[in-house]
Amino acid sequence: MKKTIAMAALAVAISFGAVSCKKKVSDADLQTQATTVVTSNPNASVEVKDGVAHLSGTFADQQSKDAMIAKLKAINGVKDVMDMSTVAAPVAVAPVETTTAVDPAVQKKVQDAVKDFPSVKVEVVNGQLTLTGNVSGLQARKIKESVDALKIGKYNNNLVVK
């Protein structure tokens, strides 16, 4: 009986020893894995200390930042992610200036000339009369002839021929 208890105690001790000797992932290995993940964003960086990834840098939006944090947390051996990164402020797009340097009477004449083509828009973009829309080759030719006959001078023909 004593022998059995001694053997059981020895087996338990060996089991605990084997579990506690489990290989621990080094910070250097974690750093390599984390850096590989973060390279998808050139404006971000990561540093691993004691199994904790410290994320810094700038992200275009909150979704990409959250996705990066999730990828770092998924690395085996990373205990936590400390987020020290920021989200870039959205860049305001300046509207296209539509102040007209084109005589409204000329613009009206051109609109009348293309009234049979509903897909064609006549507008003033950056001070120049511009035609836009999708038309066939025959329609494009007719529109050009009609507008040229008005002798309005220079205009931008941005029609897409399909």
C-alpha atoms as a PDB file:
ATOM      1  CA  MET A   1       0.000   0.000   0.000  1.00  0.00           C
ATOM      2  CA  LYS A   2       2.803   2.383   0.856  1.00  0.00           C
ATOM      3  CA  LYS A   3       4.373   1.580  -2.474  1.00  0.00           C
ATOM      4  CA  THR A   4       1.159   2.460  -4.325  1.00  0.00           C
ATOM      5  CA  ILE A   5       0.798   5.788  -2.531  1.00  0.00           C
ATOM      6  CA  ALA A   6       4.443   6.606  -3.214  1.00  0.00           C
ATOM      7  CA  MET A   7       3.992   5.759  -6.901  1.00  0.00           C
ATOM      8  CA  ALA A   8       0.842   7.905  -7.118  1.00  0.00           C
ATOM      9  CA  ALA A   9       2.611  10.814  -5.435  1.00  0.00           C
ATOM     10  CA  LEU A  10       5.539  10.425  -7.826  1.00  0.00           C
ATOM     11  CA  ALA A  11       3.188  10.384 -10.840  1.00  0.00           C
ATOM     12  CA  VAL A  12       1.431  13.551  -9.608  1.00  0.00           C
ATOM     13  CA  ALA A  13       4.784  15.288  -9.073  1.00  0.00           C
ATOM     14  CA  ILE A  14       5.979  14.344 -12.552  1.00  0.00           C
ATOM     15  CA  SER A  15       2.672  15.582 -14.049  1.00  0.00           C
ATOM     16  CA  PHE A  16       3.000  18.945 -12.332  1.00  0.00           C
ATOM     17  CA  GLY A  17       6.604  19.169 -13.413  1.00  0.00           C
ATOM     18  CA  ALA A  18       5.728  18.477 -17.029  1.00  0.00           C
ATOM     19  CA  VAL A  19       2.942  21.076 -17.028  1.00  0.00           C
ATOM     20  CA  SER A  20       5.106  23.740 -15.407  1.00  0.00           C
ATOM     21  CA  CYS A  21       7.937  23.107 -17.893  1.00  0.00           C
ATOM     22  CA  LYS A  22       5.673  24.024 -20.772  1.00  0.00           C
ATOM     23  CA  LYS A  23       7.600  26.169 -23.239  1.00  0.00           C
ATOM     24  CA  LYS A  24       6.930  29.879 -22.754  1.00  0.00           C
ATOM     25  CA  VAL A  25       6.868  32.078 -25.877  1.00  0.00           C
ATOM     26  CA  SER A  26       9.567  34.741 -25.689  1.00  0.00           C
ATOM     27  CA  ASP A  27       8.912  38.445 -26.212  1.00  0.00           C
ATOM     28  CA  ALA A  28      11.275  38.346 -29.189  1.00  0.00           C
ATOM     29  CA  ASP A  29       9.128  35.697 -30.905  1.00  0.00           C
ATOM     30  CA  LEU A  30       5.963  37.623 -30.063  1.00  0.00           C
ATOM     31  CA  GLN A  31       7.569  40.832 -31.364  1.00  0.00           C
ATOM     32  CA  THR A  32       8.325  39.144 -34.692  1.00  0.00           C
ATOM     33  CA  GLN A  33       4.767  37.851 -35.049  1.00  0.00           C
ATOM     34  CA  ALA A  34       3.207  41.155 -33.967  1.00  0.00           C
ATOM     35  CA  THR A  35       5.404  43.171 -36.342  1.00  0.00           C
ATOM     36  CA  THR A  36       4.341  40.916 -39.206  1.00  0.00           C
ATOM     37  CA  VAL A  37       0.687  41.617 -38.394  1.00  0.00           C
ATOM     38  CA  VAL A  38       1.179  45.385 -38.095  1.00  0.00           C
ATOM     39  CA  THR A  39       3.066  45.790 -41.405  1.00  0.00           C
ATOM     40  CA  SER A  40      -0.301  46.053 -43.196  1.00  0.00           C
ATOM     41  CA  ASN A  41      -0.524  49.615 -41.797  1.00  0.00           C
ATOM     42  CA  PRO A  42       2.654  51.607 -42.501  1.00  0.00           C
ATOM     43  CA  ASN A  43       1.606  54.300 -39.983  1.00  0.00           C
ATOM     44  CA  ALA A  44       1.452  51.888 -37.043  1.00  0.00           C
ATOM     45  CA  SER A  45       3.997  50.082 -34.914  1.00  0.00           C
ATOM     46  CA  VAL A  46       3.989  47.553 -32.095  1.00  0.00           C
ATOM     47  CA  GLU A  47       6.313  46.711 -29.228  1.00  0.00           C
ATOM     48  CA  VAL A  48       5.974  43.611 -27.042  1.00  0.00           C
ATOM     49  CA  LYS A  49       6.980  43.667 -23.358  1.00  0.00           C
ATOM     50  CA  ASP A  50       6.240  40.823 -20.945  1.00  0.00           C
ATOM     51  CA  GLY A  51       3.725  39.322 -23.379  1.00  0.00           C
ATOM     52  CA  VAL A  52       1.773  42.578 -23.766  1.00  0.00           C
ATOM     53  CA  ALA A  53       1.632  44.207 -27.200  1.00  0.00           C
ATOM     54  CA  HIS A  54       1.778  48.017 -27.157  1.00  0.00           C
ATOM     55  CA  LEU A  55       0.156  49.350 -30.352  1.00  0.00           C
ATOM     56  CA  SER A  56       0.880  52.910 -31.469  1.00  0.00           C
ATOM     57  CA  GLY A  57       0.507  54.967 -34.620  1.00  0.00           C
ATOM     58  CA  THR A  58      -2.356  56.288 -36.719  1.00  0.00           C
ATOM     59  CA  PHE A  59      -5.214  54.447 -38.428  1.00  0.00           C
ATOM     60  CA  ALA A  60      -7.473  55.692 -41.212  1.00  0.00           C
ATOM     61  CA  ASP A  61     -10.645  54.658 -39.373  1.00  0.00           C
ATOM     62  CA  GLN A  62     -11.868  52.974 -36.199  1.00  0.00           C
ATOM     63  CA  GLN A  63     -12.703  49.713 -38.004  1.00  0.00           C
ATOM     64  CA  SER A  64      -9.130  49.176 -39.197  1.00  0.00           C
ATOM     65  CA  LYS A  65      -7.824  49.994 -35.720  1.00  0.00           C
ATOM     66  CA  ASP A  66     -10.214  47.491 -34.095  1.00  0.00           C
ATOM     67  CA  ALA A  67      -9.286  44.837 -36.668  1.00  0.00           C
ATOM     68  CA  MET A  68      -5.571  45.321 -35.908  1.00  0.00           C
ATOM     69  CA  ILE A  69      -6.179  44.967 -32.162  1.00  0.00           C
ATOM     70  CA  ALA A  70      -8.148  41.752 -32.761  1.00  0.00           C
ATOM     71  CA  LYS A  71      -5.336  40.324 -34.912  1.00  0.00           C
ATOM     72  CA  LEU A  72      -2.757  41.112 -32.218  1.00  0.00           C
ATOM     73  CA  LYS A  73      -4.905  39.509 -29.501  1.00  0.00           C
ATOM     74  CA  ALA A  74      -5.198  36.379 -31.663  1.00  0.00           C
ATOM     75  CA  ILE A  75      -1.420  35.794 -31.546  1.00  0.00           C
ATOM     76  CA  ASN A  76      -0.699  32.808 -29.296  1.00  0.00           C
ATOM     77  CA  GLY A  77       1.209  34.114 -26.277  1.00  0.00           C
ATOM     78  CA  VAL A  78       0.015  37.733 -26.357  1.00  0.00           C
ATOM     79  CA  LYS A  79      -1.630  38.363 -22.979  1.00  0.00           C
ATOM     80  CA  ASP A  80      -3.146  41.753 -23.801  1.00  0.00           C
ATOM     81  CA  VAL A  81      -2.942  44.689 -26.217  1.00  0.00           C
ATOM     82  CA  MET A  82      -2.360  48.195 -24.915  1.00  0.00           C
ATOM     83  CA  ASP A  83      -3.863  50.603 -27.437  1.00  0.00           C
ATOM     84  CA  MET A  84      -1.931  53.857 -27.715  1.00  0.00           C
ATOM     85  CA  SER A  85      -2.901  54.489 -31.352  1.00  0.00           C
ATOM     86  CA  THR A  86      -5.130  57.184 -32.823  1.00  0.00           C
ATOM     87  CA  VAL A  87      -7.638  57.479 -35.645  1.00  0.00           C
ATOM     88  CA  ALA A  88      -6.846  60.132 -38.249  1.00  0.00           C
ATOM     89  CA  ALA A  89      -9.320  62.969 -38.578  1.00  0.00           C
ATOM     90  CA  PRO A  90     -11.357  62.748 -41.778  1.00  0.00           C
ATOM     91  CA  VAL A  91     -10.097  65.025 -44.521  1.00  0.00           C
ATOM     92  CA  ALA A  92     -12.724  67.472 -45.727  1.00  0.00           C
ATOM     93  CA  VAL A  93     -13.139  67.506 -49.482  1.00  0.00           C
ATOM     94  CA  ALA A  94     -13.441  70.979 -50.899  1.00  0.00           C
ATOM     95  CA  PRO A  95     -16.513  71.370 -53.086  1.00  0.00           C
ATOM     96  CA  VAL A  96     -16.046  72.108 -56.756  1.00  0.00           C
ATOM     97  CA  GLU A  97     -16.400  75.812 -57.291  1.00  0.00           C
ATOM     98  CA  THR A  98     -19.318  76.514 -59.570  1.00  0.00           C
ATOM     99  CA  THR A  99     -19.135  80.265 -59.827  1.00  0.00           C
ATOM    100  CA  THR A 100     -20.009  81.068 -63.354  1.00  0.00           C
ATOM    101  CA  ALA A 101     -17.832  82.974 -65.773  1.00  0.00           C
ATOM    102  CA  VAL A 102     -20.159  81.861 -68.555  1.00  0.00           C
ATOM    103  CA  ASP A 103     -22.971  84.120 -69.674  1.00  0.00           C
ATOM    104  CA  PRO A 104     -26.266  82.583 -68.487  1.00  0.00           C
ATOM    105  CA  ALA A 105     -27.772  83.280 -71.919  1.00  0.00           C
ATOM    106  CA  VAL A 106     -25.054  81.163 -73.579  1.00  0.00           C
ATOM    107  CA  GLN A 107     -25.615  78.382 -71.047  1.00  0.00           C
ATOM    108  CA  LYS A 108     -29.362  78.477 -71.800  1.00  0.00           C
ATOM    109  CA  LYS A 109     -28.707  78.249 -75.567  1.00  0.00           C
ATOM    110  CA  VAL A 110     -26.551  75.157 -75.073  1.00  0.00           C
ATOM    111  CA  GLN A 111     -29.165  73.568 -72.798  1.00  0.00           C
ATOM    112  CA  ASP A 112     -31.788  74.176 -75.496  1.00  0.00           C
ATOM    113  CA  ALA A 113     -29.480  72.630 -78.114  1.00  0.00           C
ATOM    114  CA  VAL A 114     -29.146  69.371 -76.117  1.00  0.00           C
ATOM    115  CA  LYS A 115     -32.711  69.189 -74.737  1.00  0.00           C
ATOM    116  CA  ASP A 116     -33.426  66.131 -76.928  1.00  0.00           C
ATOM    117  CA  PHE A 117     -30.689  64.203 -75.100  1.00  0.00           C
ATOM    118  CA  PRO A 118     -31.877  63.741 -71.467  1.00  0.00           C
ATOM    119  CA  SER A 119     -28.669  61.993 -70.347  1.00  0.00           C
ATOM    120  CA  VAL A 120     -26.583  65.087 -71.199  1.00  0.00           C
ATOM    121  CA  LYS A 121     -26.012  67.716 -68.506  1.00  0.00           C
ATOM    122  CA  VAL A 122     -24.850  71.255 -69.229  1.00  0.00           C
ATOM    123  CA  GLU A 123     -23.091  72.872 -66.287  1.00  0.00           C
ATOM    124  CA  VAL A 124     -20.387  75.356 -65.446  1.00  0.00           C
ATOM    125  CA  VAL A 125     -17.403  73.716 -63.744  1.00  0.00           C
ATOM    126  CA  ASN A 126     -14.533  75.914 -62.589  1.00  0.00           C
ATOM    127  CA  GLY A 127     -15.712  78.732 -64.824  1.00  0.00           C
ATOM    128  CA  GLN A 128     -16.020  76.682 -68.031  1.00  0.00           C
ATOM    129  CA  LEU A 129     -19.075  75.350 -69.793  1.00  0.00           C
ATOM    130  CA  THR A 130     -19.010  71.542 -69.570  1.00  0.00           C
ATOM    131  CA  LEU A 131     -21.104  68.812 -71.195  1.00  0.00           C
ATOM    132  CA  THR A 132     -21.327  65.482 -69.347  1.00  0.00           C
ATOM    133  CA  GLY A 133     -23.310  62.274 -69.787  1.00  0.00           C
ATOM    134  CA  ASN A 134     -23.461  58.973 -71.660  1.00  0.00           C
ATOM    135  CA  VAL A 135     -24.386  59.022 -75.357  1.00  0.00           C
ATOM    136  CA  SER A 136     -24.025  56.955 -78.503  1.00  0.00           C
ATOM    137  CA  GLY A 137     -21.556  57.878 -81.241  1.00  0.00           C
ATOM    138  CA  LEU A 138     -24.314  59.301 -83.455  1.00  0.00           C
ATOM    139  CA  GLN A 139     -25.722  61.347 -80.569  1.00  0.00           C
ATOM    140  CA  ALA A 140     -22.257  62.698 -79.720  1.00  0.00           C
ATOM    141  CA  ARG A 141     -21.768  63.863 -83.304  1.00  0.00           C
ATOM    142  CA  LYS A 142     -25.198  65.599 -83.371  1.00  0.00           C
ATOM    143  CA  ILE A 143     -24.538  67.292 -80.026  1.00  0.00           C
ATOM    144  CA  LYS A 144     -21.125  68.547 -81.154  1.00  0.00           C
ATOM    145  CA  GLU A 145     -22.564  69.930 -84.403  1.00  0.00           C
ATOM    146  CA  SER A 146     -25.422  71.661 -82.550  1.00  0.00           C
ATOM    147  CA  VAL A 147     -23.178  73.255 -79.933  1.00  0.00           C
ATOM    148  CA  ASP A 148     -20.510  74.258 -82.495  1.00  0.00           C
ATOM    149  CA  ALA A 149     -23.234  75.947 -84.597  1.00  0.00           C
ATOM    150  CA  LEU A 150     -23.943  78.253 -81.635  1.00  0.00           C
ATOM    151  CA  LYS A 151     -20.370  79.644 -81.918  1.00  0.00           C
ATOM    152  CA  ILE A 152     -20.001  79.895 -78.142  1.00  0.00           C
ATOM    153  CA  GLY A 153     -16.249  79.405 -78.193  1.00  0.00           C
ATOM    154  CA  LYS A 154     -14.383  76.954 -75.974  1.00  0.00           C
ATOM    155  CA  TYR A 155     -16.270  74.361 -73.925  1.00  0.00           C
ATOM    156  CA  ASN A 156     -15.410  71.029 -72.279  1.00  0.00           C
ATOM    157  CA  ASN A 157     -16.939  68.038 -74.016  1.00  0.00           C
ATOM    158  CA  ASN A 158     -16.813  65.315 -71.336  1.00  0.00           C
ATOM    159  CA  LEU A 159     -19.420  63.076 -72.954  1.00  0.00           C
ATOM    160  CA  VAL A 160     -18.861  59.344 -72.635  1.00  0.00           C
ATOM    161  CA  VAL A 161     -19.543  57.565 -75.923  1.00  0.00           C
ATOM    162  CA  LYS A 162     -20.880  54.042 -75.466  1.00  0.00           C
END
